[in-house]
PDB file of all heavy atoms in Angstrom:
ATOM      1  N   GLN A   1     -49.059  24.923 -41.322  1.00  0.00           N
ATOM      2  CA  GLN A   1     -49.070  24.176 -40.068  1.00  0.00           C
ATOM      3  C   GLN A   1     -49.856  22.861 -40.185  1.00  0.00           C
ATOM      4  O   GLN A   1     -49.556  21.900 -39.491  1.00  0.00           O
ATOM      5  CB  GLN A   1     -49.620  25.041 -38.937  1.00  0.00           C
ATOM      6  CG  GLN A   1     -48.720  26.194 -38.567  1.00  0.00           C
ATOM      7  CD  GLN A   1     -47.327  25.745 -38.189  1.00  0.00           C
ATOM      8  OE1 GLN A   1     -47.128  24.789 -37.434  1.00  0.00           O
ATOM      9  NE2 GLN A   1     -46.326  26.435 -38.736  1.00  0.00           N
ATOM     10  N   PHE A   2     -50.841  22.795 -41.046  1.00  0.00           N
ATOM     11  CA  PHE A   2     -51.553  21.539 -41.272  1.00  0.00           C
ATOM     12  C   PHE A   2     -50.643  20.496 -41.925  1.00  0.00           C
ATOM     13  O   PHE A   2     -50.738  19.312 -41.633  1.00  0.00           O
ATOM     14  CB  PHE A   2     -52.789  21.762 -42.157  1.00  0.00           C
ATOM     15  CG  PHE A   2     -53.936  22.391 -41.426  1.00  0.00           C
ATOM     16  CD1 PHE A   2     -54.276  23.709 -41.675  1.00  0.00           C
ATOM     17  CD2 PHE A   2     -54.659  21.682 -40.479  1.00  0.00           C
ATOM     18  CE1 PHE A   2     -55.327  24.297 -41.007  1.00  0.00           C
ATOM     19  CE2 PHE A   2     -55.716  22.266 -39.808  1.00  0.00           C
ATOM     20  CZ  PHE A   2     -56.051  23.585 -40.063  1.00  0.00           C
ATOM     21  N   PHE A   3     -49.763  20.940 -42.805  1.00  0.00           N
ATOM     22  CA  PHE A   3     -48.871  20.016 -43.503  1.00  0.00           C
ATOM     23  C   PHE A   3     -47.709  19.553 -42.652  1.00  0.00           C
ATOM     24  O   PHE A   3     -47.170  18.474 -42.858  1.00  0.00           O
ATOM     25  CB  PHE A   3     -48.351  20.652 -44.798  1.00  0.00           C
ATOM     26  CG  PHE A   3     -49.417  20.854 -45.828  1.00  0.00           C
ATOM     27  CD1 PHE A   3     -49.829  22.127 -46.154  1.00  0.00           C
ATOM     28  CD2 PHE A   3     -50.033  19.771 -46.458  1.00  0.00           C
ATOM     29  CE1 PHE A   3     -50.824  22.326 -47.096  1.00  0.00           C
ATOM     30  CE2 PHE A   3     -51.026  19.968 -47.387  1.00  0.00           C
ATOM     31  CZ  PHE A   3     -51.426  21.241 -47.715  1.00  0.00           C
ATOM     32  N   CYS A   4     -47.298  20.375 -41.687  1.00  0.00           N
ATOM     33  CA  CYS A   4     -46.163  19.985 -40.844  1.00  0.00           C
ATOM     34  C   CYS A   4     -46.620  19.419 -39.504  1.00  0.00           C
ATOM     35  O   CYS A   4     -45.805  19.195 -38.604  1.00  0.00           O
ATOM     36  CB  CYS A   4     -45.202  21.145 -40.651  1.00  0.00           C
ATOM     37  SG  CYS A   4     -45.822  22.437 -39.579  1.00  0.00           S
ATOM     38  N   GLY A   5     -47.923  19.195 -39.336  1.00  0.00           N
ATOM     39  CA  GLY A   5     -48.427  18.582 -38.111  1.00  0.00           C
ATOM     40  C   GLY A   5     -48.352  19.497 -36.905  1.00  0.00           C
ATOM     41  O   GLY A   5     -48.165  19.034 -35.784  1.00  0.00           O
ATOM     42  N   PHE A   6     -48.455  20.802 -37.097  1.00  0.00           N
ATOM     43  CA  PHE A   6     -48.405  21.791 -36.024  1.00  0.00           C
ATOM     44  C   PHE A   6     -47.146  21.664 -35.168  1.00  0.00           C
ATOM     45  O   PHE A   6     -47.182  21.796 -33.954  1.00  0.00           O
ATOM     46  CB  PHE A   6     -49.665  21.707 -35.145  1.00  0.00           C
ATOM     47  CG  PHE A   6     -50.915  22.054 -35.876  1.00  0.00           C
ATOM     48  CD1 PHE A   6     -51.720  21.069 -36.412  1.00  0.00           C
ATOM     49  CD2 PHE A   6     -51.275  23.379 -36.039  1.00  0.00           C
ATOM     50  CE1 PHE A   6     -52.870  21.391 -37.098  1.00  0.00           C
ATOM     51  CE2 PHE A   6     -52.423  23.715 -36.722  1.00  0.00           C
ATOM     52  CZ  PHE A   6     -53.230  22.719 -37.259  1.00  0.00           C
ATOM     53  N   SER A   7     -46.038  21.394 -35.835  1.00  0.00           N
ATOM     54  CA  SER A   7     -44.775  21.237 -35.110  1.00  0.00           C
ATOM     55  C   SER A   7     -44.126  22.568 -34.768  1.00  0.00           C
ATOM     56  O   SER A   7     -43.194  22.623 -33.977  1.00  0.00           O
ATOM     57  CB  SER A   7     -43.799  20.396 -35.944  1.00  0.00           C
ATOM     58  OG  SER A   7     -43.431  21.113 -37.108  1.00  0.00           O
ATOM     59  N   GLY A   8     -44.574  23.643 -35.384  1.00  0.00           N
ATOM     60  CA  GLY A   8     -43.981  24.950 -35.120  1.00  0.00           C
ATOM     61  C   GLY A   8     -42.801  25.249 -36.015  1.00  0.00           C
ATOM     62  O   GLY A   8     -42.136  26.270 -35.838  1.00  0.00           O
ATOM     63  N   SER A   9     -42.500  24.369 -36.943  1.00  0.00           N
ATOM     64  CA  SER A   9     -41.377  24.626 -37.847  1.00  0.00           C
ATOM     65  C   SER A   9     -41.745  25.740 -38.824  1.00  0.00           C
ATOM     66  O   SER A   9     -42.909  25.952 -39.154  1.00  0.00           O
ATOM     67  CB  SER A   9     -40.998  23.359 -38.615  1.00  0.00           C
ATOM     68  OG  SER A   9     -42.049  22.974 -39.465  1.00  0.00           O
ATOM     69  N   SER A  10     -40.742  26.432 -39.271  1.00  0.00           N
ATOM     70  CA  SER A  10     -40.949  27.561 -40.170  1.00  0.00           C
ATOM     71  C   SER A  10     -40.939  27.080 -41.617  1.00  0.00           C
ATOM     72  O   SER A  10     -40.123  26.235 -42.002  1.00  0.00           O
ATOM     73  CB  SER A  10     -39.845  28.592 -39.953  1.00  0.00           C
ATOM     74  OG  SER A  10     -40.015  29.662 -40.835  1.00  0.00           O
ATOM     75  N   MET A  11     -41.828  27.616 -42.394  1.00  0.00           N
ATOM     76  CA  MET A  11     -41.947  27.206 -43.779  1.00  0.00           C
ATOM     77  C   MET A  11     -40.808  27.753 -44.634  1.00  0.00           C
ATOM     78  O   MET A  11     -40.318  27.085 -45.536  1.00  0.00           O
ATOM     79  CB  MET A  11     -43.284  27.694 -44.338  1.00  0.00           C
ATOM     80  CG  MET A  11     -43.556  27.279 -45.747  1.00  0.00           C
ATOM     81  SD  MET A  11     -45.175  27.778 -46.276  1.00  0.00           S
ATOM     82  CE  MET A  11     -44.884  29.452 -46.711  1.00  0.00           C
ATOM     83  N   ILE A  12     -40.387  28.978 -44.340  1.00  0.00           N
ATOM     84  CA  ILE A  12     -39.320  29.607 -45.126  1.00  0.00           C
ATOM     85  C   ILE A  12     -38.269  30.161 -44.173  1.00  0.00           C
ATOM     86  O   ILE A  12     -38.515  30.334 -42.980  1.00  0.00           O
ATOM     87  CB  ILE A  12     -39.881  30.730 -46.022  1.00  0.00           C
ATOM     88  CG1 ILE A  12     -40.733  31.709 -45.217  1.00  0.00           C
ATOM     89  CG2 ILE A  12     -40.687  30.178 -47.167  1.00  0.00           C
ATOM     90  CD1 ILE A  12     -41.270  32.865 -46.015  1.00  0.00           C
ATOM     91  N   ASP A  13     -37.114  30.442 -44.727  1.00  0.00           N
ATOM     92  CA  ASP A  13     -36.030  30.985 -43.919  1.00  0.00           C
ATOM     93  C   ASP A  13     -36.391  32.381 -43.412  1.00  0.00           C
ATOM     94  O   ASP A  13     -37.205  33.083 -43.999  1.00  0.00           O
ATOM     95  CB  ASP A  13     -34.742  31.074 -44.745  1.00  0.00           C
ATOM     96  CG  ASP A  13     -34.202  29.700 -45.092  1.00  0.00           C
ATOM     97  OD1 ASP A  13     -34.497  28.757 -44.334  1.00  0.00           O
ATOM     98  OD2 ASP A  13     -33.502  29.580 -46.118  1.00  0.00           O
ATOM     99  N   TYR A  14     -35.721  32.764 -42.331  1.00  0.00           N
ATOM    100  CA  TYR A  14     -36.014  34.058 -41.740  1.00  0.00           C
ATOM    101  C   TYR A  14     -35.649  35.205 -42.668  1.00  0.00           C
ATOM    102  O   TYR A  14     -36.358  36.212 -42.729  1.00  0.00           O
ATOM    103  CB  TYR A  14     -35.295  34.201 -40.393  1.00  0.00           C
ATOM    104  CG  TYR A  14     -35.926  33.383 -39.313  1.00  0.00           C
ATOM    105  CD1 TYR A  14     -35.258  32.316 -38.743  1.00  0.00           C
ATOM    106  CD2 TYR A  14     -37.210  33.679 -38.868  1.00  0.00           C
ATOM    107  CE1 TYR A  14     -35.847  31.549 -37.759  1.00  0.00           C
ATOM    108  CE2 TYR A  14     -37.809  32.922 -37.879  1.00  0.00           C
ATOM    109  CZ  TYR A  14     -37.119  31.864 -37.330  1.00  0.00           C
ATOM    110  OH  TYR A  14     -37.716  31.112 -36.356  1.00  0.00           O
ATOM    111  N   TRP A  15     -34.567  35.086 -43.400  1.00  0.00           N
ATOM    112  CA  TRP A  15     -34.182  36.184 -44.280  1.00  0.00           C
ATOM    113  C   TRP A  15     -35.187  36.351 -45.410  1.00  0.00           C
ATOM    114  O   TRP A  15     -35.412  37.456 -45.890  1.00  0.00           O
ATOM    115  CB  TRP A  15     -32.755  36.000 -44.811  1.00  0.00           C
ATOM    116  CG  TRP A  15     -32.600  34.827 -45.744  1.00  0.00           C
ATOM    117  CD1 TRP A  15     -32.314  33.548 -45.428  1.00  0.00           C
ATOM    118  CD2 TRP A  15     -32.734  34.872 -47.164  1.00  0.00           C
ATOM    119  NE1 TRP A  15     -32.273  32.765 -46.546  1.00  0.00           N
ATOM    120  CE2 TRP A  15     -32.517  33.563 -47.635  1.00  0.00           C
ATOM    121  CE3 TRP A  15     -33.021  35.875 -48.087  1.00  0.00           C
ATOM    122  CZ2 TRP A  15     -32.584  33.236 -48.983  1.00  0.00           C
ATOM    123  CZ3 TRP A  15     -33.077  35.547 -49.423  1.00  0.00           C
ATOM    124  CH2 TRP A  15     -32.853  34.239 -49.863  1.00  0.00           C
ATOM    125  N   GLN A  16     -35.839  35.277 -45.826  1.00  0.00           N
ATOM    126  CA  GLN A  16     -36.881  35.405 -46.843  1.00  0.00           C
ATOM    127  C   GLN A  16     -38.131  36.065 -46.275  1.00  0.00           C
ATOM    128  O   GLN A  16     -38.788  36.853 -46.952  1.00  0.00           O
ATOM    129  CB  GLN A  16     -37.227  34.032 -47.417  1.00  0.00           C
ATOM    130  CG  GLN A  16     -36.136  33.461 -48.294  1.00  0.00           C
ATOM    131  CD  GLN A  16     -36.432  32.036 -48.714  1.00  0.00           C
ATOM    132  OE1 GLN A  16     -37.095  31.293 -47.998  1.00  0.00           O
ATOM    133  NE2 GLN A  16     -35.923  31.664 -49.883  1.00  0.00           N
ATOM    134  N   MET A  17     -38.467  35.762 -45.021  1.00  0.00           N
ATOM    135  CA  MET A  17     -39.604  36.437 -44.388  1.00  0.00           C
ATOM    136  C   MET A  17     -39.313  37.926 -44.222  1.00  0.00           C
ATOM    137  O   MET A  17     -40.194  38.762 -44.442  1.00  0.00           O
ATOM    138  CB  MET A  17     -39.902  35.809 -43.017  1.00  0.00           C
ATOM    139  CG  MET A  17     -40.627  34.485 -43.117  1.00  0.00           C
ATOM    140  SD  MET A  17     -41.376  33.952 -41.570  1.00  0.00           S
ATOM    141  CE  MET A  17     -39.960  33.558 -40.584  1.00  0.00           C
ATOM    142  N   ILE A  18     -38.091  38.256 -43.839  1.00  0.00           N
ATOM    143  CA  ILE A  18     -37.717  39.661 -43.696  1.00  0.00           C
ATOM    144  C   ILE A  18     -37.794  40.368 -45.044  1.00  0.00           C
ATOM    145  O   ILE A  18     -38.305  41.485 -45.147  1.00  0.00           O
ATOM    146  CB  ILE A  18     -36.315  39.773 -43.069  1.00  0.00           C
ATOM    147  CG1 ILE A  18     -36.363  39.325 -41.616  1.00  0.00           C
ATOM    148  CG2 ILE A  18     -35.789  41.192 -43.178  1.00  0.00           C
ATOM    149  CD1 ILE A  18     -35.002  39.184 -40.972  1.00  0.00           C
ATOM    150  N   PHE A  19     -37.295  39.716 -46.100  1.00  0.00           N
ATOM    151  CA  PHE A  19     -37.361  40.309 -47.430  1.00  0.00           C
ATOM    152  C   PHE A  19     -38.808  40.500 -47.885  1.00  0.00           C
ATOM    153  O   PHE A  19     -39.157  41.527 -48.465  1.00  0.00           O
ATOM    154  CB  PHE A  19     -36.592  39.448 -48.432  1.00  0.00           C
ATOM    155  CG  PHE A  19     -36.655  39.978 -49.832  1.00  0.00           C
ATOM    156  CD1 PHE A  19     -35.921  41.106 -50.185  1.00  0.00           C
ATOM    157  CD2 PHE A  19     -37.451  39.374 -50.787  1.00  0.00           C
ATOM    158  CE1 PHE A  19     -35.983  41.613 -51.466  1.00  0.00           C
ATOM    159  CE2 PHE A  19     -37.521  39.872 -52.067  1.00  0.00           C
ATOM    160  CZ  PHE A  19     -36.781  40.999 -52.417  1.00  0.00           C
ATOM    161  N   PHE A  20     -39.657  39.518 -47.604  1.00  0.00           N
ATOM    162  CA  PHE A  20     -41.072  39.629 -47.965  1.00  0.00           C
ATOM    163  C   PHE A  20     -41.700  40.848 -47.299  1.00  0.00           C
ATOM    164  O   PHE A  20     -42.352  41.674 -47.947  1.00  0.00           O
ATOM    165  CB  PHE A  20     -41.809  38.349 -47.549  1.00  0.00           C
ATOM    166  CG  PHE A  20     -43.297  38.409 -47.718  1.00  0.00           C
ATOM    167  CD1 PHE A  20     -43.879  38.162 -48.950  1.00  0.00           C
ATOM    168  CD2 PHE A  20     -44.120  38.721 -46.643  1.00  0.00           C
ATOM    169  CE1 PHE A  20     -45.258  38.215 -49.114  1.00  0.00           C
ATOM    170  CE2 PHE A  20     -45.496  38.780 -46.800  1.00  0.00           C
ATOM    171  CZ  PHE A  20     -46.057  38.525 -48.034  1.00  0.00           C
ATOM    172  N   ASN A  21     -41.503  40.971 -45.992  1.00  0.00           N
ATOM    173  CA  ASN A  21     -42.074  42.107 -45.271  1.00  0.00           C
ATOM    174  C   ASN A  21     -41.444  43.424 -45.710  1.00  0.00           C
ATOM    175  O   ASN A  21     -42.141  44.424 -45.857  1.00  0.00           O
ATOM    176  CB  ASN A  21     -41.908  41.928 -43.766  1.00  0.00           C
ATOM    177  CG  ASN A  21     -43.205  41.503 -43.125  1.00  0.00           C
ATOM    178  OD1 ASN A  21     -44.259  41.697 -43.675  1.00  0.00           O
ATOM    179  ND2 ASN A  21     -43.099  40.906 -41.961  1.00  0.00           N
ATOM    180  N   LEU A  22     -40.145  43.430 -45.917  1.00  0.00           N
ATOM    181  CA  LEU A  22     -39.470  44.655 -46.328  1.00  0.00           C
ATOM    182  C   LEU A  22     -39.954  45.106 -47.697  1.00  0.00           C
ATOM    183  O   LEU A  22     -40.279  46.275 -47.912  1.00  0.00           O
ATOM    184  CB  LEU A  22     -37.955  44.443 -46.348  1.00  0.00           C
ATOM    185  CG  LEU A  22     -37.122  45.643 -46.776  1.00  0.00           C
ATOM    186  CD1 LEU A  22     -37.222  46.727 -45.722  1.00  0.00           C
ATOM    187  CD2 LEU A  22     -35.684  45.241 -46.982  1.00  0.00           C
ATOM    188  N   PHE A  23     -40.047  44.188 -48.634  1.00  0.00           N
ATOM    189  CA  PHE A  23     -40.464  44.543 -49.985  1.00  0.00           C
ATOM    190  C   PHE A  23     -41.922  44.994 -50.026  1.00  0.00           C
ATOM    191  O   PHE A  23     -42.257  46.004 -50.628  1.00  0.00           O
ATOM    192  CB  PHE A  23     -40.259  43.351 -50.932  1.00  0.00           C
ATOM    193  CG  PHE A  23     -40.671  43.637 -52.340  1.00  0.00           C
ATOM    194  CD1 PHE A  23     -39.884  44.450 -53.150  1.00  0.00           C
ATOM    195  CD2 PHE A  23     -41.846  43.125 -52.853  1.00  0.00           C
ATOM    196  CE1 PHE A  23     -40.266  44.741 -54.446  1.00  0.00           C
ATOM    197  CE2 PHE A  23     -42.238  43.405 -54.151  1.00  0.00           C
ATOM    198  CZ  PHE A  23     -41.443  44.212 -54.952  1.00  0.00           C
ATOM    199  N   PHE A  24     -42.799  44.267 -49.352  1.00  0.00           N
ATOM    200  CA  PHE A  24     -44.220  44.579 -49.419  1.00  0.00           C
ATOM    201  C   PHE A  24     -44.650  45.687 -48.462  1.00  0.00           C
ATOM    202  O   PHE A  24     -45.802  46.107 -48.498  1.00  0.00           O
ATOM    203  CB  PHE A  24     -45.059  43.327 -49.174  1.00  0.00           C
ATOM    204  CG  PHE A  24     -45.104  42.430 -50.369  1.00  0.00           C
ATOM    205  CD1 PHE A  24     -44.370  41.255 -50.401  1.00  0.00           C
ATOM    206  CD2 PHE A  24     -45.857  42.767 -51.473  1.00  0.00           C
ATOM    207  CE1 PHE A  24     -44.405  40.430 -51.503  1.00  0.00           C
ATOM    208  CE2 PHE A  24     -45.895  41.951 -52.580  1.00  0.00           C
ATOM    209  CZ  PHE A  24     -45.171  40.778 -52.600  1.00  0.00           C
ATOM    210  N   THR A  25     -43.770  46.144 -47.590  1.00  0.00           N
ATOM    211  CA  THR A  25     -44.134  47.270 -46.730  1.00  0.00           C
ATOM    212  C   THR A  25     -43.339  48.524 -47.028  1.00  0.00           C
ATOM    213  O   THR A  25     -43.600  49.558 -46.430  1.00  0.00           O
ATOM    214  CB  THR A  25     -43.963  46.919 -45.240  1.00  0.00           C
ATOM    215  OG1 THR A  25     -42.621  46.529 -45.018  1.00  0.00           O
ATOM    216  CG2 THR A  25     -44.922  45.854 -44.812  1.00  0.00           C
ATOM    217  N   SER A  26     -42.370  48.470 -47.930  1.00  0.00           N
ATOM    218  CA  SER A  26     -41.614  49.684 -48.237  1.00  0.00           C
ATOM    219  C   SER A  26     -41.905  50.221 -49.636  1.00  0.00           C
ATOM    220  O   SER A  26     -42.062  51.421 -49.813  1.00  0.00           O
ATOM    221  CB  SER A  26     -40.117  49.430 -48.078  1.00  0.00           C
ATOM    222  OG  SER A  26     -39.695  48.450 -49.009  1.00  0.00           O
ATOM    223  N   VAL A  27     -42.005  49.353 -50.621  1.00  0.00           N
ATOM    224  CA  VAL A  27     -42.201  49.822 -51.990  1.00  0.00           C
ATOM    225  C   VAL A  27     -43.609  50.398 -52.217  1.00  0.00           C
ATOM    226  O   VAL A  27     -43.732  51.515 -52.727  1.00  0.00           O
ATOM    227  CB  VAL A  27     -41.874  48.692 -52.994  1.00  0.00           C
ATOM    228  CG1 VAL A  27     -42.178  49.120 -54.410  1.00  0.00           C
ATOM    229  CG2 VAL A  27     -40.413  48.293 -52.869  1.00  0.00           C
ATOM    230  N   PRO A  28     -44.689  49.695 -51.863  1.00  0.00           N
ATOM    231  CA  PRO A  28     -46.029  50.271 -52.116  1.00  0.00           C
ATOM    232  C   PRO A  28     -46.286  51.613 -51.427  1.00  0.00           C
ATOM    233  O   PRO A  28     -46.842  52.510 -52.061  1.00  0.00           O
ATOM    234  CB  PRO A  28     -46.985  49.191 -51.611  1.00  0.00           C
ATOM    235  CG  PRO A  28     -46.217  47.932 -51.759  1.00  0.00           C
ATOM    236  CD  PRO A  28     -44.800  48.297 -51.429  1.00  0.00           C
ATOM    237  N   PRO A  29     -45.901  51.812 -50.159  1.00  0.00           N
ATOM    238  CA  PRO A  29     -46.123  53.146 -49.586  1.00  0.00           C
ATOM    239  C   PRO A  29     -45.368  54.244 -50.333  1.00  0.00           C
ATOM    240  O   PRO A  29     -45.884  55.346 -50.487  1.00  0.00           O
ATOM    241  CB  PRO A  29     -45.611  53.021 -48.141  1.00  0.00           C
ATOM    242  CG  PRO A  29     -45.735  51.589 -47.821  1.00  0.00           C
ATOM    243  CD  PRO A  29     -45.467  50.869 -49.103  1.00  0.00           C
ATOM    244  N   LEU A  30     -44.156  53.942 -50.802  1.00  0.00           N
ATOM    245  CA  LEU A  30     -43.419  54.951 -51.563  1.00  0.00           C
ATOM    246  C   LEU A  30     -44.114  55.259 -52.880  1.00  0.00           C
ATOM    247  O   LEU A  30     -44.232  56.426 -53.278  1.00  0.00           O
ATOM    248  CB  LEU A  30     -41.987  54.476 -51.819  1.00  0.00           C
ATOM    249  CG  LEU A  30     -41.089  54.391 -50.597  1.00  0.00           C
ATOM    250  CD1 LEU A  30     -39.745  53.768 -50.947  1.00  0.00           C
ATOM    251  CD2 LEU A  30     -40.887  55.773 -50.002  1.00  0.00           C
ATOM    252  N   LEU A  31     -44.584  54.223 -53.561  1.00  0.00           N
ATOM    253  CA  LEU A  31     -45.281  54.439 -54.829  1.00  0.00           C
ATOM    254  C   LEU A  31     -46.608  55.167 -54.610  1.00  0.00           C
ATOM    255  O   LEU A  31     -46.932  56.105 -55.352  1.00  0.00           O
ATOM    256  CB  LEU A  31     -45.511  53.109 -55.545  1.00  0.00           C
ATOM    257  CG  LEU A  31     -44.267  52.430 -56.089  1.00  0.00           C
ATOM    258  CD1 LEU A  31     -44.606  51.073 -56.687  1.00  0.00           C
ATOM    259  CD2 LEU A  31     -43.588  53.302 -57.121  1.00  0.00           C
ATOM    260  N   PHE A  32     -47.384  54.738 -53.620  1.00  0.00           N
ATOM    261  CA  PHE A  32     -48.646  55.422 -53.339  1.00  0.00           C
ATOM    262  C   PHE A  32     -48.403  56.876 -52.933  1.00  0.00           C
ATOM    263  O   PHE A  32     -49.117  57.772 -53.369  1.00  0.00           O
ATOM    264  CB  PHE A  32     -49.409  54.719 -52.212  1.00  0.00           C
ATOM    265  CG  PHE A  32     -50.355  53.669 -52.692  1.00  0.00           C
ATOM    266  CD1 PHE A  32     -50.142  52.343 -52.389  1.00  0.00           C
ATOM    267  CD2 PHE A  32     -51.457  54.005 -53.436  1.00  0.00           C
ATOM    268  CE1 PHE A  32     -51.012  51.375 -52.823  1.00  0.00           C
ATOM    269  CE2 PHE A  32     -52.344  53.038 -53.873  1.00  0.00           C
ATOM    270  CZ  PHE A  32     -52.117  51.716 -53.570  1.00  0.00           C
ATOM    271  N   GLY A  33     -47.400  57.091 -52.101  1.00  0.00           N
ATOM    272  CA  GLY A  33     -47.125  58.442 -51.623  1.00  0.00           C
ATOM    273  C   GLY A  33     -46.677  59.389 -52.711  1.00  0.00           C
ATOM    274  O   GLY A  33     -46.970  60.582 -52.665  1.00  0.00           O
ATOM    275  N   ALA A  34     -45.975  58.877 -53.705  1.00  0.00           N
ATOM    276  CA  ALA A  34     -45.456  59.745 -54.760  1.00  0.00           C
ATOM    277  C   ALA A  34     -46.376  59.863 -55.964  1.00  0.00           C
ATOM    278  O   ALA A  34     -46.437  60.913 -56.598  1.00  0.00           O
ATOM    279  CB  ALA A  34     -44.097  59.223 -55.213  1.00  0.00           C
ATOM    280  N   LEU A  35     -47.100  58.808 -56.289  1.00  0.00           N
ATOM    281  CA  LEU A  35     -47.810  58.785 -57.561  1.00  0.00           C
ATOM    282  C   LEU A  35     -49.326  58.806 -57.470  1.00  0.00           C
ATOM    283  O   LEU A  35     -49.988  59.130 -58.459  1.00  0.00           O
ATOM    284  CB  LEU A  35     -47.387  57.539 -58.358  1.00  0.00           C
ATOM    285  CG  LEU A  35     -45.889  57.398 -58.608  1.00  0.00           C
ATOM    286  CD1 LEU A  35     -45.598  56.081 -59.292  1.00  0.00           C
ATOM    287  CD2 LEU A  35     -45.365  58.560 -59.437  1.00  0.00           C
ATOM    288  N   ASP A  36     -49.906  58.429 -56.350  1.00  0.00           N
ATOM    289  CA  ASP A  36     -51.358  58.263 -56.281  1.00  0.00           C
ATOM    290  C   ASP A  36     -52.064  59.601 -56.080  1.00  0.00           C
ATOM    291  O   ASP A  36     -51.961  60.224 -55.016  1.00  0.00           O
ATOM    292  CB  ASP A  36     -51.724  57.312 -55.145  1.00  0.00           C
ATOM    293  CG  ASP A  36     -53.195  56.969 -55.151  1.00  0.00           C
ATOM    294  OD1 ASP A  36     -53.758  56.857 -56.248  1.00  0.00           O
ATOM    295  OD2 ASP A  36     -53.760  56.812 -54.056  1.00  0.00           O
ATOM    296  N   LYS A  37     -52.757  60.053 -57.109  1.00  0.00           N
ATOM    297  CA  LYS A  37     -53.579  61.259 -57.052  1.00  0.00           C
ATOM    298  C   LYS A  37     -54.864  60.943 -57.795  1.00  0.00           C
ATOM    299  O   LYS A  37     -54.901  60.945 -59.017  1.00  0.00           O
ATOM    300  CB  LYS A  37     -52.854  62.438 -57.697  1.00  0.00           C
ATOM    301  CG  LYS A  37     -51.598  62.821 -56.962  1.00  0.00           C
ATOM    302  CD  LYS A  37     -50.863  63.925 -57.657  1.00  0.00           C
ATOM    303  CE  LYS A  37     -49.587  64.217 -56.886  1.00  0.00           C
ATOM    304  NZ  LYS A  37     -48.720  65.122 -57.588  1.00  0.00           N
ATOM    305  N   ASP A  38     -55.927  60.639 -57.039  1.00  0.00           N
ATOM    306  CA  ASP A  38     -57.171  60.204 -57.667  1.00  0.00           C
ATOM    307  C   ASP A  38     -57.891  61.315 -58.419  1.00  0.00           C
ATOM    308  O   ASP A  38     -58.591  61.063 -59.391  1.00  0.00           O
ATOM    309  CB  ASP A  38     -58.093  59.563 -56.633  1.00  0.00           C
ATOM    310  CG  ASP A  38     -58.410  60.488 -55.481  1.00  0.00           C
ATOM    311  OD1 ASP A  38     -57.701  61.491 -55.314  1.00  0.00           O
ATOM    312  OD2 ASP A  38     -59.364  60.202 -54.746  1.00  0.00           O
ATOM    313  N   VAL A  39     -57.728  62.559 -57.987  1.00  0.00           N
ATOM    314  CA  VAL A  39     -58.356  63.704 -58.627  1.00  0.00           C
ATOM    315  C   VAL A  39     -57.300  64.804 -58.737  1.00  0.00           C
ATOM    316  O   VAL A  39     -56.467  64.960 -57.842  1.00  0.00           O
ATOM    317  CB  VAL A  39     -59.573  64.215 -57.806  1.00  0.00           C
ATOM    318  CG1 VAL A  39     -60.263  65.368 -58.475  1.00  0.00           C
ATOM    319  CG2 VAL A  39     -60.558  63.095 -57.549  1.00  0.00           C
ATOM    320  N   SER A  40     -57.331  65.574 -59.809  1.00  0.00           N
ATOM    321  CA  SER A  40     -56.335  66.629 -59.996  1.00  0.00           C
ATOM    322  C   SER A  40     -56.540  67.763 -58.991  1.00  0.00           C
ATOM    323  O   SER A  40     -57.631  67.960 -58.452  1.00  0.00           O
ATOM    324  CB  SER A  40     -56.403  67.183 -61.416  1.00  0.00           C
ATOM    325  OG  SER A  40     -57.614  67.901 -61.595  1.00  0.00           O
ATOM    326  N   ALA A  41     -55.483  68.515 -58.765  1.00  0.00           N
ATOM    327  CA  ALA A  41     -55.536  69.620 -57.807  1.00  0.00           C
ATOM    328  C   ALA A  41     -56.518  70.700 -58.255  1.00  0.00           C
ATOM    329  O   ALA A  41     -57.233  71.282 -57.428  1.00  0.00           O
ATOM    330  CB  ALA A  41     -54.145  70.213 -57.625  1.00  0.00           C
TER     331      ALA A  41
END
């Protein structure tokens, strides 16, 4: 927003923002849920 003069314009396309959120909110929880075991049973 400093570079665009607070015009409210979007830096990236909406589909890229959706992909960013989808990728970073779906893959890590699946990996943590399946693989993360800090101590053995």
